[in-house]
Amino acid sequence: MALGARLELRQGQGLVITPQLQQAIKLLQLSNLELEAYVEGELERNPLLARDETDHEPDREAAPRESDDFSTDQIPDGGAEPHMDITHDQASPGEVATGDSEAQHAGGAIDWSKAGSGGGGFEDGDDFEGRLTKEKTLGEHLHDQLSVARLSPAELAVATVLIDSVDEGGYLRCDLVETAERLGCGLPMAESVLNTLQGFEPTGVFARDVRECLMLQLQELDRCDPAMMALLDNLELLAKRDMPALRKVCGVDDEDLRDMVAELRALTPRPGAAFGGEPSQPVAPDVTVREGQAGLWHVELNTDTLPRLLVDQRYHARVSGAARTDQEKVFVADCMASANWLVKSLDQRAKTILKVASEIVRQQDGFLAYGVEHLRPLNLKTVADAIGMHESTVSRVTSNKYMATPRGMFELKFFFTSSIASSSGGEAHSAESVRHKIKQLIDAERTDSDVHSDDAIVDILKETGVDIARRTVAKYREAMRIPSSVERRRMLKETA
């Protein structure tokens, strides 16, 4: 067979992400602190960019605003759809700040859907090796355990708030009564969730003081006898080294007291200190939600976190006129294009955040009005379809972005609760209810012939209207520490 060279023409489709779009995607997923640092770097690099120092105090009567108003009617059980009244200003903050129409021609509106379905991959300039070697923080470790905890959607919401209230040492730094009231759940639910969280690793986490932290660790060691509890109740005497008083209140002799003190010293007063993580920084909300008149929810951007930039047209005219060589002209042109695109990207970022946050408020208005019991099942696809964007865009927007509401400040991801689709096209099932059905099926097994495989459970659930994958059944079963069908069948044979 002879080998030879030949020319061929082929037509195909491919996705090309321009450097400008990569920059816009990167800006979208930055937190407000990261964005401020990025903008500072651009101000130093690009001589045509300048910070807008003019007073932007809004005139409530005349000033344009970036906000959405939502009218929430009384929601009966079952949830009537809220009426929504949306008002968007046509000019974005950056376009107003530039004072020049050229910014509008820096690339047109940014189409986020061109980003594809990636989750911020190599093209975004991520430090992949750094992410692989990054030490897990205490919060990440606790959220990992929360993902397999058997909690209802409302309890998961409470647990998320409590995890966010844990400091670097592992202590809970919020008032449980105030938190329960703010979230609209009863104190018994908050206490039940806290009791579950105090069973997480590392032992002693979620304690509210040193005594409770040590007690949780002693309970795991089965060492909470009356004498040890008396010692925990009198830690101030131990700090003063008042051993005679300690012997008296504990009812033990010198040797027993020494052993008890040695046990306490072997415990960890700061269980969270073993985890990595940077010092926590104060969080500023990207979006604020406030209740208006007639049941309106008013959603607006926090302008304090939005960088105000403008393109210095006068300086551009001066330096472009003074440019002589091709290299100088190219440099000035590149700076102008980069400045205009950055301003446009910042404007589009602000509008996109507002758009996503407004849809979240529309979907979760029941939570804002009535508390965590009214959180609806919500996923990225629902929001993305409603606002005409890609799921990856919504994912980027909801990362490290915070919303201040009358019930507290929450990361946008907080409002996304899991659900299982209905096979009949009806209302979705909560993940907790599906787990409960799986456990009921397995608890009903009496003989080895009654044992259901994961595939059989999938078929049974689909007959009841639950559309679920086999791997999801296996994940829920393992999270409930239920053995596989093979092991259950063997166990039933042994007990028969």
Protein backbone atom coordinates (compact mmCIF):
# COMPACT_ATOMS: atom_id res chain seq x y z
CA MET A 1 0.00 0.00 0.00
CA ALA A 2 1.53 3.32 -1.09
CA LEU A 3 1.81 6.22 1.31
CA GLY A 4 1.21 9.76 0.14
CA ALA A 5 0.23 13.22 1.25
CA ARG A 6 -3.12 14.79 0.38
CA LEU A 7 -5.22 17.82 1.33
CA GLU A 8 -8.66 17.48 2.88
CA LEU A 9 -11.29 20.04 3.89
CA ARG A 10 -13.43 19.23 6.89
CA GLN A 11 -16.23 21.24 8.43
CA GLY A 12 -16.97 21.00 12.12
CA GLN A 13 -18.14 22.89 15.15
CA GLY A 14 -15.96 23.82 18.07
CA LEU A 15 -16.11 25.96 21.16
CA VAL A 16 -13.61 28.79 21.27
CA ILE A 17 -13.28 30.80 24.48
CA THR A 18 -11.59 34.10 23.81
CA PRO A 19 -9.22 35.64 26.37
CA GLN A 20 -11.81 38.34 27.00
CA LEU A 21 -14.50 35.78 27.80
CA GLN A 22 -12.05 33.90 30.03
CA GLN A 23 -11.51 37.14 31.94
CA ALA A 24 -15.26 37.69 32.26
CA ILE A 25 -15.76 34.13 33.55
CA LYS A 26 -12.96 34.60 36.06
CA LEU A 27 -14.48 37.85 37.31
CA LEU A 28 -17.86 36.17 37.72
CA GLN A 29 -16.62 33.58 40.19
CA LEU A 30 -14.48 35.92 42.30
CA SER A 31 -15.68 37.00 45.74
CA ASN A 32 -15.93 40.73 46.38
CA LEU A 33 -12.59 40.69 48.25
CA GLU A 34 -10.86 38.80 45.42
CA LEU A 35 -12.44 41.16 42.90
CA GLU A 36 -11.11 44.20 44.74
CA ALA A 37 -7.59 42.75 44.66
CA TYR A 38 -7.91 41.96 40.95
CA VAL A 39 -9.11 45.47 40.12
CA GLU A 40 -6.23 46.99 42.08
CA GLY A 41 -3.82 44.99 39.94
CA GLU A 42 -5.52 46.18 36.74
CA LEU A 43 -5.36 49.80 37.91
CA GLU A 44 -1.61 49.46 38.38
CA ARG A 45 -1.12 47.72 35.03
CA ASN A 46 -3.38 49.79 32.78
CA PRO A 47 -2.71 53.57 32.71
CA LEU A 48 -6.07 54.27 31.03
CA LEU A 49 -8.08 52.90 33.94
CA ALA A 50 -8.98 55.14 36.84
CA ARG A 51 -11.07 54.75 39.96
CA ASP A 52 -14.26 56.76 39.94
CA GLU A 53 -14.00 58.93 43.04
CA THR A 54 -17.19 60.92 42.45
CA ASP A 55 -19.94 60.81 45.04
CA HIS A 56 -22.46 58.12 44.12
CA GLU A 57 -24.89 58.62 46.97
CA PRO A 58 -28.19 57.70 45.29
CA ASP A 59 -31.02 60.16 44.99
CA ARG A 60 -33.96 57.93 45.79
CA GLU A 61 -36.28 60.02 43.64
CA ALA A 62 -34.20 60.24 40.47
CA ALA A 63 -31.21 57.93 40.61
CA PRO A 64 -31.35 54.70 38.59
CA ARG A 65 -31.05 51.53 40.61
CA GLU A 66 -30.08 47.94 40.09
CA SER A 67 -32.87 46.19 41.94
CA ASP A 68 -35.80 43.82 41.72
CA ASP A 69 -39.07 44.09 43.61
CA PHE A 70 -41.05 40.96 44.40
CA SER A 71 -44.60 40.91 45.64
CA THR A 72 -45.23 37.93 47.87
CA ASP A 73 -48.85 37.06 48.43
CA GLN A 74 -49.82 34.93 51.40
CA ILE A 75 -48.61 31.44 50.63
CA PRO A 76 -51.12 28.75 51.51
CA ASP A 77 -50.03 25.22 52.25
CA GLY A 78 -48.94 23.88 48.91
CA GLY A 79 -47.52 27.25 47.88
CA ALA A 80 -49.22 29.53 45.40
CA GLU A 81 -46.80 31.14 42.98
CA PRO A 82 -45.79 34.62 44.17
CA HIS A 83 -46.56 37.63 42.02
CA MET A 84 -43.39 39.28 40.79
CA ASP A 85 -42.89 42.88 39.77
CA ILE A 86 -39.44 43.33 38.23
CA THR A 87 -37.87 46.70 37.51
CA HIS A 88 -34.45 46.82 35.90
CA ASP A 89 -32.52 49.97 35.11
CA GLN A 90 -31.33 49.98 31.52
CA ALA A 91 -27.94 51.53 32.26
CA SER A 92 -25.52 49.42 34.26
CA PRO A 93 -23.32 51.11 36.90
CA GLY A 94 -20.15 50.82 34.84
CA GLU A 95 -21.69 52.36 31.74
CA VAL A 96 -22.80 55.36 33.77
CA ALA A 97 -19.37 55.70 35.36
CA THR A 98 -17.41 55.80 32.13
CA GLY A 99 -19.26 58.77 30.73
CA ASP A 100 -18.34 57.56 27.26
CA SER A 101 -20.17 55.49 24.71
CA GLU A 102 -17.01 53.67 23.62
CA ALA A 103 -17.36 51.34 26.58
CA GLN A 104 -20.53 50.04 25.00
CA HIS A 105 -18.55 48.92 21.96
CA ALA A 106 -15.85 47.06 23.88
CA GLY A 107 -17.29 43.76 22.89
CA GLY A 108 -21.03 44.01 23.26
CA ALA A 109 -23.04 42.10 25.81
CA ILE A 110 -21.23 39.13 27.29
CA ASP A 111 -22.86 35.81 26.46
CA TRP A 112 -22.08 33.66 29.49
CA SER A 113 -23.45 30.57 27.78
CA LYS A 114 -20.30 30.45 25.64
CA ALA A 115 -18.49 29.28 28.74
CA GLY A 116 -19.85 25.78 28.23
CA SER A 117 -20.48 23.38 31.08
CA GLY A 118 -17.05 23.50 32.66
CA GLY A 119 -16.75 24.34 36.30
CA GLY A 120 -13.83 26.70 36.15
CA GLY A 121 -11.16 24.51 34.62
CA PHE A 122 -7.62 25.11 33.45
CA GLU A 123 -8.63 27.85 31.05
CA ASP A 124 -9.63 30.00 33.98
CA GLY A 125 -6.09 30.10 35.25
CA ASP A 126 -6.77 27.88 38.23
CA ASP A 127 -3.87 26.55 40.24
CA PHE A 128 -4.76 22.90 39.74
CA GLU A 129 -1.81 21.55 41.73
CA GLY A 130 -2.56 24.00 44.52
CA ARG A 131 -6.16 22.82 44.71
CA LEU A 132 -5.03 19.20 44.93
CA THR A 133 -2.56 19.88 47.74
CA LYS A 134 -4.65 22.44 49.61
CA GLU A 135 -5.24 21.48 53.22
CA LYS A 136 -8.92 20.94 54.00
CA THR A 137 -10.47 23.53 56.29
CA LEU A 138 -12.62 22.71 59.29
CA GLY A 139 -15.70 24.07 57.51
CA GLU A 140 -15.09 21.85 54.48
CA HIS A 141 -14.57 18.83 56.75
CA LEU A 142 -17.86 19.51 58.55
CA HIS A 143 -19.77 20.06 55.29
CA ASP A 144 -18.43 16.72 53.99
CA GLN A 145 -19.96 14.98 57.02
CA LEU A 146 -23.17 16.95 56.66
CA SER A 147 -23.63 15.61 53.12
CA VAL A 148 -24.18 12.09 54.48
CA ALA A 149 -26.13 13.04 57.59
CA ARG A 150 -29.76 11.97 57.67
CA LEU A 151 -31.38 15.37 58.07
CA SER A 152 -34.49 16.87 56.52
CA PRO A 153 -34.13 19.87 54.18
CA ALA A 154 -35.13 22.24 56.99
CA GLU A 155 -32.64 20.62 59.38
CA LEU A 156 -29.94 20.80 56.71
CA ALA A 157 -30.57 24.54 56.41
CA VAL A 158 -30.21 24.98 60.18
CA ALA A 159 -27.08 22.81 60.18
CA THR A 160 -25.50 24.90 57.40
CA VAL A 161 -26.02 28.07 59.43
CA LEU A 162 -24.52 26.46 62.53
CA ILE A 163 -21.48 25.21 60.60
CA ASP A 164 -20.89 28.72 59.30
CA SER A 165 -20.96 29.92 62.92
CA VAL A 166 -18.09 27.67 64.02
CA ASP A 167 -14.76 29.42 64.63
CA GLU A 168 -11.26 28.12 63.84
CA GLY A 169 -11.06 26.35 67.20
CA GLY A 170 -14.27 24.41 66.58
CA TYR A 171 -16.50 26.39 68.96
CA LEU A 172 -20.03 27.47 68.10
CA ARG A 173 -20.14 31.27 68.17
CA CYS A 174 -23.85 31.99 67.89
CA ASP A 175 -26.79 32.06 70.26
CA LEU A 176 -28.98 29.02 69.57
CA VAL A 177 -32.19 30.72 70.69
CA GLU A 178 -31.55 33.76 68.49
CA THR A 179 -30.59 31.55 65.53
CA ALA A 180 -33.75 29.44 65.86
CA GLU A 181 -35.89 32.58 66.02
CA ARG A 182 -34.13 34.14 63.04
CA LEU A 183 -34.52 31.01 60.90
CA GLY A 184 -38.15 30.57 61.86
CA CYS A 185 -37.69 27.11 63.36
CA GLY A 186 -38.45 25.99 66.89
CA LEU A 187 -35.73 25.76 69.51
CA PRO A 188 -36.26 21.96 69.83
CA MET A 189 -35.32 21.54 66.14
CA ALA A 190 -32.22 23.71 66.55
CA GLU A 191 -31.16 21.74 69.63
CA SER A 192 -31.77 18.44 67.83
CA VAL A 193 -29.62 19.57 64.88
CA LEU A 194 -26.89 20.78 67.24
CA ASN A 195 -26.95 17.41 69.02
CA THR A 196 -26.39 15.70 65.65
CA LEU A 197 -23.58 18.07 64.70
CA GLN A 198 -21.83 17.52 68.04
CA GLY A 199 -21.42 13.90 66.95
CA PHE A 200 -19.23 15.00 64.01
CA GLU A 201 -15.48 14.63 63.90
CA PRO A 202 -13.30 16.02 65.40
CA THR A 203 -14.88 15.15 68.73
CA GLY A 204 -15.67 18.25 70.74
CA VAL A 205 -16.61 20.42 67.78
CA PHE A 206 -19.73 22.65 68.08
CA ALA A 207 -19.17 23.09 71.82
CA ARG A 208 -20.25 26.44 73.23
CA ASP A 209 -17.59 26.59 75.93
CA VAL A 210 -14.55 24.67 77.19
CA ARG A 211 -16.60 22.63 79.64
CA GLU A 212 -18.93 21.35 76.91
CA CYS A 213 -15.99 20.67 74.58
CA LEU A 214 -14.26 18.49 77.19
CA MET A 215 -17.54 16.81 78.14
CA LEU A 216 -18.20 15.76 74.51
CA GLN A 217 -14.77 14.15 74.34
CA LEU A 218 -15.25 12.40 77.69
CA GLN A 219 -18.65 11.10 76.59
CA GLU A 220 -17.03 9.41 73.61
CA LEU A 221 -14.54 7.78 76.01
CA ASP A 222 -17.42 6.76 78.33
CA ARG A 223 -15.82 8.70 81.19
CA CYS A 224 -18.63 11.04 82.20
CA ASP A 225 -19.13 9.65 85.71
CA PRO A 226 -20.46 11.90 88.53
CA ALA A 227 -16.96 12.69 89.85
CA MET A 228 -15.73 13.77 86.42
CA MET A 229 -18.84 15.88 85.85
CA ALA A 230 -18.23 17.59 89.17
CA LEU A 231 -14.69 18.35 88.05
CA LEU A 232 -15.97 19.83 84.77
CA ASP A 233 -18.44 21.98 86.73
CA ASN A 234 -15.57 23.42 88.76
CA LEU A 235 -12.86 24.10 86.20
CA GLU A 236 -12.23 27.49 87.83
CA LEU A 237 -10.97 25.65 90.93
CA LEU A 238 -8.64 23.60 88.72
CA ALA A 239 -7.31 26.81 87.18
CA LYS A 240 -6.57 28.09 90.69
CA ARG A 241 -4.98 24.72 91.57
CA ASP A 242 -7.26 24.48 94.61
CA MET A 243 -6.91 20.72 95.01
CA PRO A 244 -8.46 20.44 98.49
CA ALA A 245 -11.64 22.12 97.26
CA LEU A 246 -11.69 19.88 94.17
CA ARG A 247 -11.32 16.72 96.27
CA LYS A 248 -14.26 17.85 98.35
CA VAL A 249 -16.66 18.67 95.48
CA CYS A 250 -15.67 15.54 93.52
CA GLY A 251 -15.69 13.21 96.49
CA VAL A 252 -12.41 11.50 95.57
CA ASP A 253 -8.98 11.04 97.11
CA ASP A 254 -5.67 12.54 95.93
CA GLU A 255 -4.78 9.66 93.61
CA ASP A 256 -8.16 9.63 91.86
CA LEU A 257 -8.05 13.41 91.45
CA ARG A 258 -4.60 13.24 89.88
CA ASP A 259 -5.83 10.61 87.43
CA MET A 260 -8.88 12.72 86.53
CA VAL A 261 -6.79 15.83 85.96
CA ALA A 262 -4.39 13.80 83.79
CA GLU A 263 -7.36 12.63 81.69
CA LEU A 264 -8.49 16.21 81.18
CA ARG A 265 -5.00 17.29 80.13
CA ALA A 266 -4.97 14.55 77.49
CA LEU A 267 -8.04 16.07 75.81
CA THR A 268 -8.08 18.75 73.12
CA PRO A 269 -9.52 22.12 74.19
CA ARG A 270 -9.42 23.41 70.56
CA PRO A 271 -10.53 20.47 68.35
CA GLY A 272 -10.68 22.58 65.18
CA ALA A 273 -7.08 23.79 65.44
CA ALA A 274 -5.79 20.66 63.67
CA PHE A 275 -7.33 21.80 60.37
CA GLY A 276 -5.92 24.23 57.88
CA GLY A 277 -7.47 27.42 56.70
CA GLU A 278 -6.77 31.10 56.51
CA PRO A 279 -7.92 33.48 59.25
CA SER A 280 -11.58 34.27 58.77
CA GLN A 281 -12.35 37.65 57.27
CA PRO A 282 -15.54 39.66 57.66
CA VAL A 283 -18.04 38.91 54.91
CA ALA A 284 -19.77 41.75 53.09
CA PRO A 285 -23.03 40.89 51.30
CA ASP A 286 -23.09 41.15 47.52
CA VAL A 287 -26.88 41.46 47.51
CA THR A 288 -29.32 42.77 50.10
CA VAL A 289 -32.97 41.78 50.45
CA ARG A 290 -35.39 43.83 52.47
CA GLU A 291 -39.11 43.63 52.99
CA GLY A 292 -41.11 46.50 51.56
CA GLN A 293 -44.72 47.47 51.64
CA ALA A 294 -47.57 45.18 50.58
CA GLY A 295 -45.45 42.01 50.84
CA LEU A 296 -42.75 43.21 48.44
CA TRP A 297 -39.23 41.81 48.62
CA HIS A 298 -36.76 44.41 47.42
CA VAL A 299 -33.55 42.92 45.98
CA GLU A 300 -30.61 45.20 45.26
CA LEU A 301 -26.86 45.05 44.77
CA ASN A 302 -24.58 46.22 47.55
CA THR A 303 -22.84 49.07 45.75
CA ASP A 304 -20.14 49.21 48.44
CA THR A 305 -18.68 45.96 47.08
CA LEU A 306 -18.80 47.01 43.41
CA PRO A 307 -15.59 48.54 42.02
CA ARG A 308 -16.25 51.88 40.30
CA LEU A 309 -13.97 52.30 37.31
CA LEU A 310 -13.85 54.67 34.37
CA VAL A 311 -11.75 54.98 31.25
CA ASP A 312 -9.67 58.19 31.20
CA GLN A 313 -10.61 59.49 27.75
CA ARG A 314 -8.57 62.67 28.04
CA TYR A 315 -5.40 60.81 28.90
CA HIS A 316 -6.09 58.35 26.09
CA ALA A 317 -6.44 61.18 23.59
CA ARG A 318 -3.17 62.68 24.78
CA VAL A 319 -1.06 59.52 24.72
CA SER A 320 -2.55 58.18 21.49
CA GLY A 321 -1.72 61.46 19.77
CA ALA A 322 1.83 61.33 21.11
CA ALA A 323 2.42 57.72 20.02
CA ARG A 324 4.93 57.54 17.18
CA THR A 325 6.03 53.94 16.71
CA ASP A 326 3.80 50.99 15.85
CA GLN A 327 4.70 49.39 19.16
CA GLU A 328 3.49 52.44 21.10
CA LYS A 329 0.26 52.60 19.08
CA VAL A 330 -0.44 48.90 19.64
CA PHE A 331 0.19 49.29 23.38
CA VAL A 332 -2.22 52.21 23.69
CA ALA A 333 -4.86 50.39 21.62
CA ASP A 334 -4.51 47.24 23.74
CA CYS A 335 -4.84 49.24 26.96
CA MET A 336 -7.96 50.96 25.64
CA ALA A 337 -9.58 47.69 24.56
CA SER A 338 -8.65 46.02 27.86
CA ALA A 339 -10.02 48.92 29.91
CA ASN A 340 -13.30 49.02 28.01
CA TRP A 341 -13.73 45.26 28.27
CA LEU A 342 -13.02 45.25 32.02
CA VAL A 343 -15.62 47.95 32.61
CA LYS A 344 -18.11 46.02 30.51
CA SER A 345 -17.31 42.77 32.30
CA LEU A 346 -17.81 44.35 35.71
CA ASP A 347 -21.14 45.75 34.60
CA GLN A 348 -22.27 42.38 33.25
CA ARG A 349 -21.05 40.63 36.40
CA ALA A 350 -23.18 42.93 38.55
CA LYS A 351 -26.26 42.40 36.38
CA THR A 352 -25.76 38.62 36.36
CA ILE A 353 -25.43 38.44 40.16
CA LEU A 354 -28.58 40.51 40.54
CA LYS A 355 -30.45 38.35 38.05
CA VAL A 356 -29.51 35.09 39.79
CA ALA A 357 -30.18 36.48 43.27
CA SER A 358 -33.57 37.81 42.18
CA GLU A 359 -34.61 34.40 40.87
CA ILE A 360 -33.45 32.76 44.11
CA VAL A 361 -35.60 35.19 46.10
CA ARG A 362 -38.55 34.43 43.82
CA GLN A 363 -38.09 30.71 44.36
CA GLN A 364 -37.40 30.88 48.10
CA ASP A 365 -39.75 33.68 49.15
CA GLY A 366 -41.46 31.21 51.49
CA PHE A 367 -38.25 30.90 53.51
CA LEU A 368 -37.90 34.67 53.79
CA ALA A 369 -41.49 35.03 54.94
CA TYR A 370 -41.99 31.95 57.12
CA GLY A 371 -38.65 30.25 57.85
CA VAL A 372 -36.67 27.11 57.00
CA GLU A 373 -39.70 24.83 56.97
CA HIS A 374 -40.73 26.56 53.73
CA LEU A 375 -37.46 26.07 51.83
CA ARG A 376 -38.31 24.60 48.45
CA PRO A 377 -36.29 21.99 46.56
CA LEU A 378 -34.09 24.03 44.23
CA ASN A 379 -31.20 23.20 41.93
CA LEU A 380 -28.94 25.08 39.55
CA LYS A 381 -30.84 23.93 36.46
CA THR A 382 -34.13 25.39 37.71
CA VAL A 383 -32.58 28.82 38.20
CA ALA A 384 -30.56 28.60 34.97
CA ASP A 385 -33.66 27.73 32.89
CA ALA A 386 -35.70 30.50 34.51
CA ILE A 387 -33.18 33.24 33.68
CA GLY A 388 -31.91 31.83 30.37
CA MET A 389 -28.35 31.08 31.43
CA HIS A 390 -26.10 28.02 31.62
CA GLU A 391 -25.90 25.99 34.82
CA SER A 392 -22.14 26.61 34.99
CA THR A 393 -22.81 30.36 35.02
CA VAL A 394 -25.25 30.03 37.92
CA SER A 395 -22.73 27.82 39.73
CA ARG A 396 -20.04 30.47 39.39
CA VAL A 397 -22.37 33.24 40.53
CA THR A 398 -23.45 31.38 43.67
CA SER A 399 -19.87 30.62 44.79
CA ASN A 400 -18.53 32.98 47.45
CA LYS A 401 -21.44 35.40 47.00
CA TYR A 402 -23.56 36.36 49.99
CA MET A 403 -27.09 37.66 50.42
CA ALA A 404 -28.16 39.72 53.43
CA THR A 405 -31.78 39.02 54.33
CA PRO A 406 -34.02 39.77 57.32
CA ARG A 407 -33.22 36.23 58.49
CA GLY A 408 -29.47 36.73 58.34
CA MET A 409 -26.66 36.56 55.81
CA PHE A 410 -26.40 33.44 53.67
CA GLU A 411 -24.17 32.24 50.86
CA LEU A 412 -26.24 31.93 47.69
CA LYS A 413 -25.56 28.18 47.65
CA PHE A 414 -27.51 27.93 50.93
CA PHE A 415 -30.78 28.29 49.04
CA PHE A 416 -30.22 25.20 46.86
CA THR A 417 -31.81 22.18 48.52
CA SER A 418 -31.73 18.65 47.16
CA SER A 419 -34.73 16.87 45.71
CA ILE A 420 -35.56 13.75 43.72
CA ALA A 421 -37.57 14.14 40.53
CA SER A 422 -41.00 12.62 40.19
CA SER A 423 -41.31 9.90 37.55
CA SER A 424 -44.87 11.03 36.84
CA GLY A 425 -43.88 14.63 36.23
CA GLY A 426 -45.48 15.88 39.45
CA GLU A 427 -43.94 17.65 42.41
CA ALA A 428 -40.39 16.63 43.31
CA HIS A 429 -39.66 14.46 46.34
CA SER A 430 -37.27 15.60 49.03
CA ALA A 431 -34.11 13.55 49.44
CA GLU A 432 -34.99 12.84 53.06
CA SER A 433 -38.36 11.33 52.16
CA VAL A 434 -36.68 9.07 49.59
CA ARG A 435 -34.12 7.91 52.16
CA HIS A 436 -36.99 7.13 54.52
CA LYS A 437 -38.72 5.01 51.86
CA ILE A 438 -35.50 3.07 51.19
CA LYS A 439 -35.08 2.36 54.90
CA GLN A 440 -38.69 1.22 55.19
CA LEU A 441 -38.24 -1.25 52.32
CA ILE A 442 -35.10 -2.71 53.89
CA ASP A 443 -36.57 -2.80 57.43
CA ALA A 444 -39.47 -4.88 56.06
CA GLU A 445 -37.09 -7.69 54.96
CA ARG A 446 -37.68 -10.74 57.13
CA THR A 447 -36.13 -13.63 55.19
CA ASP A 448 -33.31 -13.89 52.69
CA SER A 449 -35.87 -14.20 49.90
CA ASP A 450 -37.32 -10.79 50.87
CA VAL A 451 -34.02 -8.94 50.39
CA HIS A 452 -34.14 -6.22 47.74
CA SER A 453 -31.16 -5.42 45.57
CA ASP A 454 -30.44 -1.77 44.74
CA ASP A 455 -31.90 -2.33 41.27
CA ALA A 456 -35.06 -3.80 42.77
CA ILE A 457 -35.40 -0.79 45.09
CA VAL A 458 -35.09 1.50 42.06
CA ASP A 459 -37.96 -0.34 40.34
CA ILE A 460 -40.15 -0.23 43.45
CA LEU A 461 -39.55 3.50 43.95
CA LYS A 462 -40.31 4.25 40.30
CA GLU A 463 -43.66 2.51 40.73
CA THR A 464 -44.41 4.97 43.55
CA GLY A 465 -43.45 7.95 41.40
CA VAL A 466 -39.81 8.45 42.45
CA ASP A 467 -37.34 8.72 39.57
CA ILE A 468 -33.98 7.70 41.05
CA ALA A 469 -30.75 6.12 39.79
CA ARG A 470 -29.27 2.93 41.23
CA ARG A 471 -26.06 4.70 42.27
CA THR A 472 -28.15 7.20 44.25
CA VAL A 473 -29.90 4.36 46.07
CA ALA A 474 -26.51 2.86 46.86
CA LYS A 475 -25.21 6.22 48.12
CA TYR A 476 -28.21 6.74 50.42
CA ARG A 477 -28.01 3.16 51.68
CA GLU A 478 -24.31 3.49 52.50
CA ALA A 479 -24.94 6.84 54.20
CA MET A 480 -27.46 5.09 56.47
CA ARG A 481 -24.82 2.40 57.16
CA ILE A 482 -27.03 -0.32 55.68
CA PRO A 483 -25.12 -3.34 54.26
CA SER A 484 -25.45 -4.44 50.65
CA SER A 485 -28.13 -6.95 49.61
CA VAL A 486 -25.55 -9.77 49.57
CA GLU A 487 -24.50 -9.07 53.16
CA ARG A 488 -28.10 -8.64 54.34
CA ARG A 489 -29.09 -11.93 52.73
CA ARG A 490 -26.19 -13.72 54.45
CA MET A 491 -27.07 -12.16 57.81
CA LEU A 492 -30.68 -13.28 57.54
CA LYS A 493 -29.61 -16.83 56.69
CA GLU A 494 -27.35 -16.94 59.74
CA THR A 495 -30.13 -15.76 62.05
CA ALA A 496 -32.75 -18.10 60.53
